[in-house]
Amino acid sequence: MKIGLTGGIACGKSTVAAMLARRGAAVIDIDRIAREVVEPGRPALAAIAEKFGQAVLQPDGTLDRKKLGAIVFADPAKRKELERITHPAIRAEMKDRMRRFEEEDPDRLIVVDVPLLFESGLESYFDKIMVVYVPRDEQKRRLMARDSLTEEEAEQRLKAQMDIEEKKRRADIVIDNSGPLDETERQLDRIWRDLVPA
């Protein structure tokens, strides 16, 4: 079975991904793939340099994320151009890894950690969508503490994503991560028994 794992910023998705990996799931991290597809020698990096200029490359040929970020976050049209380059490469790599895990062990649970799963329209790739949830006020509090943000900065980041309540509504499985971690573990134990037949 293929599970799409998502949630909001600062909801604890990476923590839940690690818990699933410890239980034996094959976990694919989309953020890691996104970094890999823009490494030197990869077609996406060449396309980015062609589109946005050599200035977005560092002297060693790697991507200067700060410079590219300054360009694309100031201009939604430019961000869309970047996504047109990176998204197909990320999806192709994700599908390839899912296929390889499936061939290695058809009974193994495959979990793909996708921060912007709904925003990217990736639902159709998965049998079930699991959302790691904390109420929005708690999400904001954690985000401010984790990234040393002001309330205004945290609000801006939260508004850039789909609201956590909407993600919760769309989920097949909800992991409430607002309590202690052992409670999150207990929820996962129950879900794991349903998903992975003994």
N, C-alpha and C. Protein backbone atom coordinates (compact mmCIF):
# COMPACT_ATOMS: atom_id res chain seq x y z
N MET A 1 0.84 -1.20 0.00
CA MET A 1 0.00 0.00 0.00
C MET A 1 0.88 1.25 0.00
N LYS A 2 0.39 2.26 -0.72
CA LYS A 2 1.14 3.51 -0.80
C LYS A 2 0.38 4.60 -0.04
N ILE A 3 1.08 5.20 0.92
CA ILE A 3 0.48 6.24 1.77
C ILE A 3 1.15 7.56 1.45
N GLY A 4 0.34 8.59 1.22
CA GLY A 4 0.87 9.95 1.11
C GLY A 4 0.79 10.58 2.48
N LEU A 5 1.94 10.96 3.03
CA LEU A 5 2.00 11.55 4.37
C LEU A 5 2.16 13.06 4.24
N THR A 6 1.25 13.81 4.83
CA THR A 6 1.35 15.26 4.74
C THR A 6 0.86 15.89 6.05
N GLY A 7 0.83 17.19 6.08
CA GLY A 7 0.41 17.92 7.28
C GLY A 7 0.77 19.37 7.05
N GLY A 8 0.63 20.17 8.09
CA GLY A 8 1.02 21.57 7.96
C GLY A 8 2.41 21.77 8.50
N ILE A 9 2.97 22.93 8.23
CA ILE A 9 4.28 23.30 8.75
C ILE A 9 4.23 23.22 10.29
N ALA A 10 5.26 22.63 10.88
CA ALA A 10 5.40 22.53 12.35
C ALA A 10 4.37 21.62 13.01
N CYS A 11 3.77 20.71 12.24
CA CYS A 11 2.80 19.77 12.82
C CYS A 11 3.46 18.47 13.29
N GLY A 12 4.72 18.26 12.91
CA GLY A 12 5.42 17.06 13.36
C GLY A 12 5.42 15.92 12.35
N LYS A 13 5.31 16.28 11.08
CA LYS A 13 5.26 15.27 10.01
C LYS A 13 6.54 14.45 9.96
N SER A 14 7.70 15.09 10.11
CA SER A 14 8.98 14.37 10.06
C SER A 14 9.08 13.39 11.22
N THR A 15 8.55 13.77 12.38
CA THR A 15 8.55 12.89 13.55
C THR A 15 7.73 11.63 13.25
N VAL A 16 6.55 11.82 12.66
CA VAL A 16 5.68 10.69 12.33
C VAL A 16 6.33 9.83 11.24
N ALA A 17 6.98 10.46 10.25
CA ALA A 17 7.68 9.70 9.20
C ALA A 17 8.74 8.80 9.82
N ALA A 18 9.48 9.33 10.79
CA ALA A 18 10.52 8.54 11.46
C ALA A 18 9.90 7.38 12.25
N MET A 19 8.76 7.62 12.89
CA MET A 19 8.06 6.56 13.63
C MET A 19 7.62 5.44 12.68
N LEU A 20 7.13 5.82 11.51
CA LEU A 20 6.70 4.83 10.51
C LEU A 20 7.90 4.04 9.99
N ALA A 21 9.02 4.73 9.77
CA ALA A 21 10.24 4.05 9.29
C ALA A 21 10.70 3.02 10.32
N ARG A 22 10.64 3.38 11.62
CA ARG A 22 11.04 2.44 12.67
C ARG A 22 10.16 1.21 12.69
N ARG A 23 8.91 1.35 12.25
CA ARG A 23 7.99 0.21 12.21
C ARG A 23 8.21 -0.65 10.96
N GLY A 24 9.04 -0.17 10.05
CA GLY A 24 9.34 -0.97 8.86
C GLY A 24 8.85 -0.42 7.54
N ALA A 25 8.23 0.75 7.56
CA ALA A 25 7.77 1.35 6.30
C ALA A 25 8.96 1.84 5.48
N ALA A 26 8.81 1.80 4.17
CA ALA A 26 9.79 2.42 3.27
C ALA A 26 9.37 3.88 3.15
N VAL A 27 10.20 4.80 3.62
CA VAL A 27 9.82 6.22 3.61
C VAL A 27 10.61 6.96 2.52
N ILE A 28 9.87 7.66 1.68
CA ILE A 28 10.46 8.48 0.62
C ILE A 28 10.21 9.94 0.99
N ASP A 29 11.27 10.73 1.06
CA ASP A 29 11.19 12.12 1.50
C ASP A 29 11.25 13.04 0.28
N ILE A 30 10.12 13.69 -0.02
CA ILE A 30 10.05 14.55 -1.21
C ILE A 30 10.99 15.76 -1.10
N ASP A 31 11.17 16.31 0.11
CA ASP A 31 12.10 17.44 0.26
C ASP A 31 13.52 17.02 -0.13
N ARG A 32 13.90 15.81 0.25
CA ARG A 32 15.24 15.32 -0.11
C ARG A 32 15.35 15.16 -1.63
N ILE A 33 14.31 14.60 -2.24
CA ILE A 33 14.31 14.45 -3.71
C ILE A 33 14.42 15.84 -4.37
N ALA A 34 13.69 16.81 -3.81
CA ALA A 34 13.70 18.17 -4.38
C ALA A 34 15.11 18.76 -4.36
N ARG A 35 15.88 18.43 -3.32
CA ARG A 35 17.28 18.90 -3.25
C ARG A 35 18.15 18.13 -4.25
N GLU A 36 17.89 16.82 -4.38
CA GLU A 36 18.73 15.99 -5.25
C GLU A 36 18.55 16.33 -6.73
N VAL A 37 17.31 16.66 -7.15
CA VAL A 37 17.09 16.91 -8.59
C VAL A 37 17.75 18.19 -9.08
N VAL A 38 18.22 19.05 -8.14
CA VAL A 38 18.91 20.28 -8.56
C VAL A 38 20.40 20.23 -8.23
N GLU A 39 20.93 19.03 -8.07
CA GLU A 39 22.38 18.89 -7.85
C GLU A 39 23.11 19.06 -9.18
N PRO A 40 24.40 19.45 -9.12
CA PRO A 40 25.18 19.61 -10.35
C PRO A 40 25.13 18.34 -11.22
N GLY A 41 24.98 18.56 -12.52
CA GLY A 41 24.92 17.44 -13.45
C GLY A 41 23.50 16.98 -13.73
N ARG A 42 22.53 17.44 -12.94
CA ARG A 42 21.14 17.02 -13.18
C ARG A 42 20.48 18.00 -14.15
N PRO A 43 19.61 17.49 -15.05
CA PRO A 43 18.99 18.36 -16.07
C PRO A 43 18.22 19.55 -15.48
N ALA A 44 17.59 19.35 -14.31
CA ALA A 44 16.80 20.45 -13.73
C ALA A 44 17.68 21.64 -13.38
N LEU A 45 18.90 21.38 -12.87
CA LEU A 45 19.78 22.50 -12.51
C LEU A 45 20.19 23.28 -13.76
N ALA A 46 20.50 22.57 -14.83
CA ALA A 46 20.86 23.24 -16.09
C ALA A 46 19.70 24.11 -16.58
N ALA A 47 18.48 23.58 -16.48
CA ALA A 47 17.30 24.32 -16.93
C ALA A 47 17.07 25.56 -16.06
N ILE A 48 17.32 25.44 -14.76
CA ILE A 48 17.17 26.59 -13.85
C ILE A 48 18.18 27.68 -14.20
N ALA A 49 19.43 27.28 -14.44
CA ALA A 49 20.47 28.25 -14.78
C ALA A 49 20.14 28.95 -16.10
N GLU A 50 19.59 28.19 -17.05
CA GLU A 50 19.23 28.75 -18.34
C GLU A 50 18.09 29.76 -18.19
N LYS A 51 17.12 29.42 -17.34
CA LYS A 51 15.93 30.27 -17.17
C LYS A 51 16.21 31.50 -16.32
N PHE A 52 16.98 31.33 -15.23
CA PHE A 52 17.15 32.41 -14.26
C PHE A 52 18.53 33.04 -14.29
N GLY A 53 19.42 32.53 -15.14
CA GLY A 53 20.75 33.11 -15.28
C GLY A 53 21.79 32.42 -14.40
N GLN A 54 23.05 32.54 -14.83
CA GLN A 54 24.15 31.90 -14.11
C GLN A 54 24.32 32.44 -12.69
N ALA A 55 23.74 33.60 -12.41
CA ALA A 55 23.87 34.22 -11.09
C ALA A 55 23.25 33.36 -9.98
N VAL A 56 22.35 32.44 -10.35
CA VAL A 56 21.73 31.58 -9.32
C VAL A 56 22.61 30.37 -9.00
N LEU A 57 23.80 30.31 -9.63
CA LEU A 57 24.74 29.23 -9.32
C LEU A 57 25.88 29.79 -8.48
N GLN A 58 26.36 28.97 -7.55
CA GLN A 58 27.53 29.34 -6.76
C GLN A 58 28.77 29.05 -7.59
N PRO A 59 29.96 29.57 -7.16
CA PRO A 59 31.18 29.33 -7.94
C PRO A 59 31.47 27.84 -8.16
N ASP A 60 31.06 26.98 -7.22
CA ASP A 60 31.34 25.54 -7.39
C ASP A 60 30.30 24.83 -8.26
N GLY A 61 29.34 25.61 -8.82
CA GLY A 61 28.36 25.01 -9.73
C GLY A 61 27.09 24.53 -9.05
N THR A 62 27.03 24.62 -7.71
CA THR A 62 25.81 24.22 -7.01
C THR A 62 24.80 25.38 -7.03
N LEU A 63 23.55 25.04 -6.75
CA LEU A 63 22.49 26.04 -6.75
C LEU A 63 22.65 26.98 -5.56
N ASP A 64 22.54 28.28 -5.82
CA ASP A 64 22.52 29.27 -4.74
C ASP A 64 21.05 29.46 -4.36
N ARG A 65 20.61 28.71 -3.36
CA ARG A 65 19.20 28.71 -2.97
C ARG A 65 18.71 30.08 -2.52
N LYS A 66 19.60 30.83 -1.85
CA LYS A 66 19.21 32.15 -1.36
C LYS A 66 18.89 33.09 -2.52
N LYS A 67 19.78 33.09 -3.52
CA LYS A 67 19.58 33.98 -4.67
C LYS A 67 18.33 33.58 -5.46
N LEU A 68 18.17 32.27 -5.68
CA LEU A 68 17.00 31.81 -6.41
C LEU A 68 15.73 32.11 -5.61
N GLY A 69 15.79 31.88 -4.30
CA GLY A 69 14.65 32.16 -3.44
C GLY A 69 14.23 33.62 -3.50
N ALA A 70 15.23 34.52 -3.51
CA ALA A 70 14.94 35.95 -3.56
C ALA A 70 14.19 36.29 -4.85
N ILE A 71 14.52 35.60 -5.93
CA ILE A 71 13.87 35.86 -7.23
C ILE A 71 12.44 35.31 -7.23
N VAL A 72 12.29 34.03 -6.83
CA VAL A 72 10.98 33.37 -7.02
C VAL A 72 9.96 33.72 -5.95
N PHE A 73 10.42 34.07 -4.74
CA PHE A 73 9.43 34.39 -3.71
C PHE A 73 8.92 35.82 -3.85
N ALA A 74 9.62 36.64 -4.63
CA ALA A 74 9.17 38.02 -4.87
C ALA A 74 8.20 38.09 -6.05
N ASP A 75 8.13 37.01 -6.84
CA ASP A 75 7.35 37.05 -8.08
C ASP A 75 6.66 35.71 -8.31
N PRO A 76 5.34 35.63 -8.09
CA PRO A 76 4.61 34.37 -8.26
C PRO A 76 4.77 33.75 -9.64
N ALA A 77 4.87 34.58 -10.68
CA ALA A 77 5.04 34.04 -12.04
C ALA A 77 6.38 33.32 -12.17
N LYS A 78 7.41 33.89 -11.56
CA LYS A 78 8.74 33.26 -11.61
C LYS A 78 8.74 31.96 -10.79
N ARG A 79 7.98 31.96 -9.68
CA ARG A 79 7.90 30.74 -8.87
C ARG A 79 7.24 29.63 -9.69
N LYS A 80 6.21 29.99 -10.45
CA LYS A 80 5.53 29.01 -11.31
C LYS A 80 6.51 28.47 -12.36
N GLU A 81 7.36 29.35 -12.92
CA GLU A 81 8.36 28.91 -13.90
C GLU A 81 9.31 27.89 -13.28
N LEU A 82 9.74 28.17 -12.05
CA LEU A 82 10.63 27.25 -11.34
C LEU A 82 9.93 25.90 -11.12
N GLU A 83 8.66 25.95 -10.70
CA GLU A 83 7.90 24.72 -10.45
C GLU A 83 7.74 23.90 -11.73
N ARG A 84 7.59 24.59 -12.88
CA ARG A 84 7.46 23.86 -14.16
C ARG A 84 8.72 23.07 -14.48
N ILE A 85 9.86 23.55 -13.97
CA ILE A 85 11.13 22.83 -14.17
C ILE A 85 11.28 21.71 -13.14
N THR A 86 11.05 22.03 -11.87
CA THR A 86 11.38 21.07 -10.81
C THR A 86 10.31 20.01 -10.57
N HIS A 87 9.03 20.38 -10.65
CA HIS A 87 7.98 19.41 -10.29
C HIS A 87 7.99 18.13 -11.12
N PRO A 88 8.11 18.23 -12.47
CA PRO A 88 8.15 16.97 -13.24
C PRO A 88 9.34 16.08 -12.85
N ALA A 89 10.49 16.69 -12.57
CA ALA A 89 11.68 15.92 -12.19
C ALA A 89 11.45 15.24 -10.83
N ILE A 90 10.82 15.97 -9.90
CA ILE A 90 10.55 15.43 -8.57
C ILE A 90 9.55 14.28 -8.66
N ARG A 91 8.48 14.46 -9.43
CA ARG A 91 7.47 13.41 -9.58
C ARG A 91 8.05 12.15 -10.21
N ALA A 92 8.87 12.35 -11.24
CA ALA A 92 9.47 11.19 -11.92
C ALA A 92 10.34 10.39 -10.95
N GLU A 93 11.13 11.09 -10.15
CA GLU A 93 12.00 10.42 -9.17
C GLU A 93 11.16 9.74 -8.09
N MET A 94 10.11 10.40 -7.63
CA MET A 94 9.22 9.81 -6.62
C MET A 94 8.61 8.51 -7.14
N LYS A 95 8.07 8.54 -8.37
CA LYS A 95 7.44 7.35 -8.95
C LYS A 95 8.45 6.23 -9.12
N ASP A 96 9.67 6.59 -9.52
CA ASP A 96 10.72 5.59 -9.71
C ASP A 96 11.06 4.90 -8.38
N ARG A 97 11.19 5.68 -7.31
CA ARG A 97 11.52 5.09 -6.01
C ARG A 97 10.38 4.23 -5.49
N MET A 98 9.13 4.68 -5.69
CA MET A 98 7.97 3.88 -5.27
C MET A 98 7.97 2.54 -5.99
N ARG A 99 8.24 2.59 -7.30
CA ARG A 99 8.25 1.36 -8.10
C ARG A 99 9.35 0.41 -7.61
N ARG A 100 10.55 0.96 -7.32
CA ARG A 100 11.66 0.11 -6.86
C ARG A 100 11.34 -0.55 -5.52
N PHE A 101 10.78 0.23 -4.58
CA PHE A 101 10.41 -0.35 -3.28
C PHE A 101 9.37 -1.45 -3.46
N GLU A 102 8.42 -1.23 -4.36
CA GLU A 102 7.36 -2.20 -4.59
C GLU A 102 7.91 -3.50 -5.17
N GLU A 103 8.88 -3.36 -6.07
CA GLU A 103 9.50 -4.55 -6.67
C GLU A 103 10.29 -5.33 -5.63
N GLU A 104 11.02 -4.60 -4.76
CA GLU A 104 11.84 -5.26 -3.72
C GLU A 104 10.98 -6.05 -2.75
N ASP A 105 9.85 -5.46 -2.32
CA ASP A 105 9.00 -6.11 -1.32
C ASP A 105 7.56 -5.63 -1.51
N PRO A 106 6.75 -6.41 -2.27
CA PRO A 106 5.38 -6.00 -2.59
C PRO A 106 4.49 -5.80 -1.36
N ASP A 107 4.84 -6.42 -0.21
CA ASP A 107 3.99 -6.30 0.98
C ASP A 107 4.38 -5.14 1.89
N ARG A 108 5.49 -4.50 1.58
CA ARG A 108 5.97 -3.43 2.46
C ARG A 108 5.14 -2.16 2.27
N LEU A 109 4.84 -1.50 3.39
CA LEU A 109 4.12 -0.23 3.33
C LEU A 109 5.07 0.85 2.81
N ILE A 110 4.63 1.58 1.79
CA ILE A 110 5.44 2.68 1.23
C ILE A 110 4.80 3.99 1.67
N VAL A 111 5.59 4.83 2.32
CA VAL A 111 5.11 6.13 2.81
C VAL A 111 5.91 7.22 2.11
N VAL A 112 5.20 8.13 1.45
CA VAL A 112 5.87 9.25 0.78
C VAL A 112 5.53 10.53 1.54
N ASP A 113 6.57 11.14 2.10
CA ASP A 113 6.45 12.35 2.92
C ASP A 113 6.42 13.55 1.97
N VAL A 114 5.21 14.14 1.80
CA VAL A 114 5.01 15.24 0.83
C VAL A 114 4.41 16.45 1.56
N PRO A 115 5.23 17.46 1.88
CA PRO A 115 4.70 18.62 2.61
C PRO A 115 3.48 19.26 1.93
N LEU A 116 3.55 19.47 0.62
CA LEU A 116 2.47 20.16 -0.10
C LEU A 116 1.70 19.19 -0.99
N LEU A 117 1.29 18.07 -0.43
CA LEU A 117 0.63 17.02 -1.21
C LEU A 117 -0.65 17.53 -1.89
N PHE A 118 -1.55 18.13 -1.11
CA PHE A 118 -2.81 18.61 -1.69
C PHE A 118 -2.55 19.78 -2.62
N GLU A 119 -1.66 20.70 -2.19
CA GLU A 119 -1.37 21.89 -2.99
C GLU A 119 -0.79 21.51 -4.35
N SER A 120 -0.07 20.38 -4.40
CA SER A 120 0.57 19.94 -5.65
C SER A 120 -0.31 18.98 -6.45
N GLY A 121 -1.49 18.65 -5.92
CA GLY A 121 -2.40 17.75 -6.64
C GLY A 121 -1.87 16.34 -6.81
N LEU A 122 -1.23 15.79 -5.77
CA LEU A 122 -0.61 14.47 -5.89
C LEU A 122 -1.46 13.33 -5.30
N GLU A 123 -2.70 13.61 -4.92
CA GLU A 123 -3.52 12.62 -4.23
C GLU A 123 -3.64 11.31 -5.00
N SER A 124 -3.72 11.40 -6.33
CA SER A 124 -3.99 10.20 -7.13
C SER A 124 -2.86 9.16 -7.09
N TYR A 125 -1.67 9.55 -6.62
CA TYR A 125 -0.56 8.60 -6.57
C TYR A 125 -0.66 7.64 -5.39
N PHE A 126 -1.59 7.89 -4.46
CA PHE A 126 -1.60 7.14 -3.20
C PHE A 126 -2.92 6.43 -2.95
N ASP A 127 -2.82 5.30 -2.21
CA ASP A 127 -4.02 4.56 -1.82
C ASP A 127 -4.75 5.29 -0.70
N LYS A 128 -3.96 5.88 0.21
CA LYS A 128 -4.55 6.63 1.32
C LYS A 128 -3.68 7.85 1.63
N ILE A 129 -4.33 8.89 2.15
CA ILE A 129 -3.62 10.10 2.56
C ILE A 129 -3.67 10.18 4.09
N MET A 130 -2.49 10.30 4.70
CA MET A 130 -2.38 10.44 6.15
C MET A 130 -1.96 11.87 6.46
N VAL A 131 -2.75 12.55 7.30
CA VAL A 131 -2.43 13.93 7.67
C VAL A 131 -2.02 13.98 9.14
N VAL A 132 -0.86 14.57 9.40
CA VAL A 132 -0.40 14.83 10.77
C VAL A 132 -0.98 16.18 11.15
N TYR A 133 -1.77 16.17 12.23
CA TYR A 133 -2.59 17.33 12.57
C TYR A 133 -2.26 17.87 13.96
N VAL A 134 -2.17 19.19 14.05
CA VAL A 134 -2.28 19.88 15.34
C VAL A 134 -3.19 21.09 15.08
N PRO A 135 -3.97 21.53 16.08
CA PRO A 135 -4.82 22.71 15.86
C PRO A 135 -3.98 23.91 15.44
N ARG A 136 -4.59 24.81 14.69
CA ARG A 136 -3.84 25.92 14.08
C ARG A 136 -3.11 26.79 15.10
N ASP A 137 -3.74 27.08 16.24
CA ASP A 137 -3.07 27.91 17.25
C ASP A 137 -1.80 27.24 17.76
N GLU A 138 -1.88 25.92 17.97
CA GLU A 138 -0.71 25.15 18.42
C GLU A 138 0.35 25.11 17.31
N GLN A 139 -0.11 24.97 16.08
CA GLN A 139 0.79 24.98 14.92
C GLN A 139 1.58 26.29 14.87
N LYS A 140 0.87 27.40 15.07
CA LYS A 140 1.53 28.72 15.03
C LYS A 140 2.54 28.85 16.18
N ARG A 141 2.11 28.40 17.38
CA ARG A 141 3.00 28.48 18.55
C ARG A 141 4.28 27.68 18.31
N ARG A 142 4.14 26.46 17.78
CA ARG A 142 5.31 25.61 17.51
C ARG A 142 6.21 26.21 16.44
N LEU A 143 5.59 26.77 15.42
CA LEU A 143 6.36 27.37 14.32
C LEU A 143 7.17 28.57 14.82
N MET A 144 6.55 29.41 15.64
CA MET A 144 7.25 30.58 16.19
C MET A 144 8.43 30.12 17.05
N ALA A 145 8.21 29.10 17.87
CA ALA A 145 9.27 28.59 18.75
C ALA A 145 10.38 27.93 17.94
N ARG A 146 10.00 27.10 16.96
CA ARG A 146 10.98 26.34 16.19
C ARG A 146 11.88 27.24 15.34
N ASP A 147 11.27 28.22 14.66
CA ASP A 147 12.01 29.04 13.69
C ASP A 147 12.29 30.45 14.19
N SER A 148 12.05 30.70 15.48
CA SER A 148 12.25 32.04 16.08
C SER A 148 11.57 33.13 15.24
N LEU A 149 10.28 32.94 14.98
CA LEU A 149 9.53 33.89 14.15
C LEU A 149 8.64 34.77 15.02
N THR A 150 8.33 35.95 14.49
CA THR A 150 7.30 36.78 15.12
C THR A 150 5.95 36.17 14.76
N GLU A 151 4.91 36.61 15.45
CA GLU A 151 3.57 36.10 15.15
C GLU A 151 3.19 36.42 13.70
N GLU A 152 3.55 37.62 13.27
CA GLU A 152 3.24 38.04 11.89
C GLU A 152 3.95 37.15 10.86
N GLU A 153 5.23 36.86 11.10
CA GLU A 153 5.99 36.00 10.17
C GLU A 153 5.39 34.59 10.13
N ALA A 154 5.02 34.09 11.30
CA ALA A 154 4.43 32.75 11.36
C ALA A 154 3.11 32.72 10.60
N GLU A 155 2.30 33.76 10.79
CA GLU A 155 1.01 33.85 10.07
C GLU A 155 1.21 33.81 8.56
N GLN A 156 2.23 34.56 8.10
CA GLN A 156 2.53 34.61 6.66
C GLN A 156 2.81 33.21 6.12
N ARG A 157 3.63 32.46 6.86
CA ARG A 157 3.99 31.11 6.41
C ARG A 157 2.79 30.18 6.43
N LEU A 158 1.96 30.32 7.44
CA LEU A 158 0.76 29.47 7.53
C LEU A 158 -0.20 29.78 6.39
N LYS A 159 -0.30 31.07 6.04
CA LYS A 159 -1.23 31.46 4.97
C LYS A 159 -0.74 30.99 3.60
N ALA A 160 0.56 30.70 3.47
CA ALA A 160 1.11 30.26 2.18
C ALA A 160 0.73 28.79 1.90
N GLN A 161 0.23 28.08 2.92
CA GLN A 161 -0.16 26.68 2.76
C GLN A 161 -1.68 26.56 2.89
N MET A 162 -2.19 25.42 2.42
CA MET A 162 -3.59 25.11 2.66
C MET A 162 -3.81 25.00 4.18
N ASP A 163 -4.95 25.49 4.66
CA ASP A 163 -5.24 25.47 6.09
C ASP A 163 -5.25 24.03 6.62
N ILE A 164 -4.71 23.83 7.80
CA ILE A 164 -4.58 22.50 8.40
C ILE A 164 -5.96 21.84 8.60
N GLU A 165 -6.98 22.64 8.88
CA GLU A 165 -8.34 22.07 9.05
C GLU A 165 -8.85 21.48 7.74
N GLU A 166 -8.53 22.15 6.63
CA GLU A 166 -8.93 21.64 5.31
C GLU A 166 -8.18 20.34 5.00
N LYS A 167 -6.89 20.30 5.33
CA LYS A 167 -6.12 19.07 5.11
C LYS A 167 -6.71 17.93 5.94
N LYS A 168 -7.09 18.24 7.18
CA LYS A 168 -7.68 17.23 8.06
C LYS A 168 -8.97 16.68 7.44
N ARG A 169 -9.80 17.58 6.87
CA ARG A 169 -11.06 17.16 6.24
C ARG A 169 -10.81 16.22 5.06
N ARG A 170 -9.74 16.46 4.33
CA ARG A 170 -9.47 15.67 3.12
C ARG A 170 -8.75 14.34 3.40
N ALA A 171 -8.28 14.16 4.62
CA ALA A 171 -7.45 12.99 4.95
C ALA A 171 -8.27 11.70 5.03
N ASP A 172 -7.63 10.58 4.70
CA ASP A 172 -8.21 9.26 4.97
C ASP A 172 -7.87 8.85 6.40
N ILE A 173 -6.68 9.26 6.86
CA ILE A 173 -6.18 8.92 8.19
C ILE A 173 -5.66 10.21 8.83
N VAL A 174 -6.09 10.49 10.06
CA VAL A 174 -5.60 11.68 10.76
C VAL A 174 -4.81 11.23 11.99
N ILE A 175 -3.58 11.73 12.11
CA ILE A 175 -2.76 11.51 13.30
C ILE A 175 -2.77 12.81 14.07
N ASP A 176 -3.41 12.81 15.25
CA ASP A 176 -3.44 14.02 16.07
C ASP A 176 -2.15 14.07 16.87
N ASN A 177 -1.28 15.01 16.52
CA ASN A 177 0.04 15.10 17.14
C ASN A 177 0.11 16.26 18.13
N SER A 178 -1.05 16.65 18.71
CA SER A 178 -1.04 17.80 19.61
C SER A 178 -0.72 17.39 21.05
N GLY A 179 -0.78 16.10 21.34
CA GLY A 179 -0.49 15.63 22.70
C GLY A 179 0.95 15.14 22.82
N PRO A 180 1.23 14.36 23.89
CA PRO A 180 2.58 13.82 24.06
C PRO A 180 2.91 12.79 22.96
N LEU A 181 4.21 12.60 22.70
CA LEU A 181 4.64 11.71 21.62
C LEU A 181 4.18 10.27 21.83
N ASP A 182 4.09 9.81 23.09
CA ASP A 182 3.66 8.42 23.27
C ASP A 182 2.21 8.22 22.84
N GLU A 183 1.41 9.30 22.88
CA GLU A 183 0.03 9.21 22.38
C GLU A 183 0.04 9.10 20.85
N THR A 184 0.95 9.85 20.20
CA THR A 184 1.11 9.74 18.75
C THR A 184 1.53 8.31 18.39
N GLU A 185 2.46 7.75 19.16
CA GLU A 185 2.91 6.36 18.92
C GLU A 185 1.74 5.39 19.04
N ARG A 186 0.89 5.59 20.04
CA ARG A 186 -0.25 4.68 20.23
C ARG A 186 -1.21 4.75 19.05
N GLN A 187 -1.45 5.97 18.54
CA GLN A 187 -2.31 6.11 17.35
C GLN A 187 -1.70 5.35 16.17
N LEU A 188 -0.38 5.49 16.01
CA LEU A 188 0.28 4.82 14.89
C LEU A 188 0.23 3.30 15.05
N ASP A 189 0.37 2.81 16.28
CA ASP A 189 0.26 1.36 16.50
C ASP A 189 -1.08 0.84 15.99
N ARG A 190 -2.15 1.55 16.34
CA ARG A 190 -3.50 1.11 15.91
C ARG A 190 -3.61 1.13 14.40
N ILE A 191 -3.13 2.22 13.79
CA ILE A 191 -3.23 2.38 12.34
C ILE A 191 -2.37 1.34 11.63
N TRP A 192 -1.17 1.10 12.18
CA TRP A 192 -0.25 0.14 11.59
C TRP A 192 -0.89 -1.26 11.52
N ARG A 193 -1.60 -1.64 12.57
CA ARG A 193 -2.26 -2.95 12.59
C ARG A 193 -3.30 -3.06 11.49
N ASP A 194 -3.98 -1.95 11.21
CA ASP A 194 -4.99 -1.95 10.13
C ASP A 194 -4.35 -1.99 8.74
N LEU A 195 -3.22 -1.28 8.60
CA LEU A 195 -2.60 -1.13 7.28
C LEU A 195 -1.72 -2.30 6.90
N VAL A 196 -1.07 -2.89 7.90
CA VAL A 196 -0.08 -3.95 7.61
C VAL A 196 -0.57 -5.25 8.23
N PRO A 197 -1.20 -6.11 7.41
CA PRO A 197 -1.69 -7.35 7.96
C PRO A 197 -0.54 -8.20 8.50
N ALA A 198 -0.77 -8.83 9.64
CA ALA A 198 0.30 -9.61 10.29
C ALA A 198 0.68 -10.82 9.44
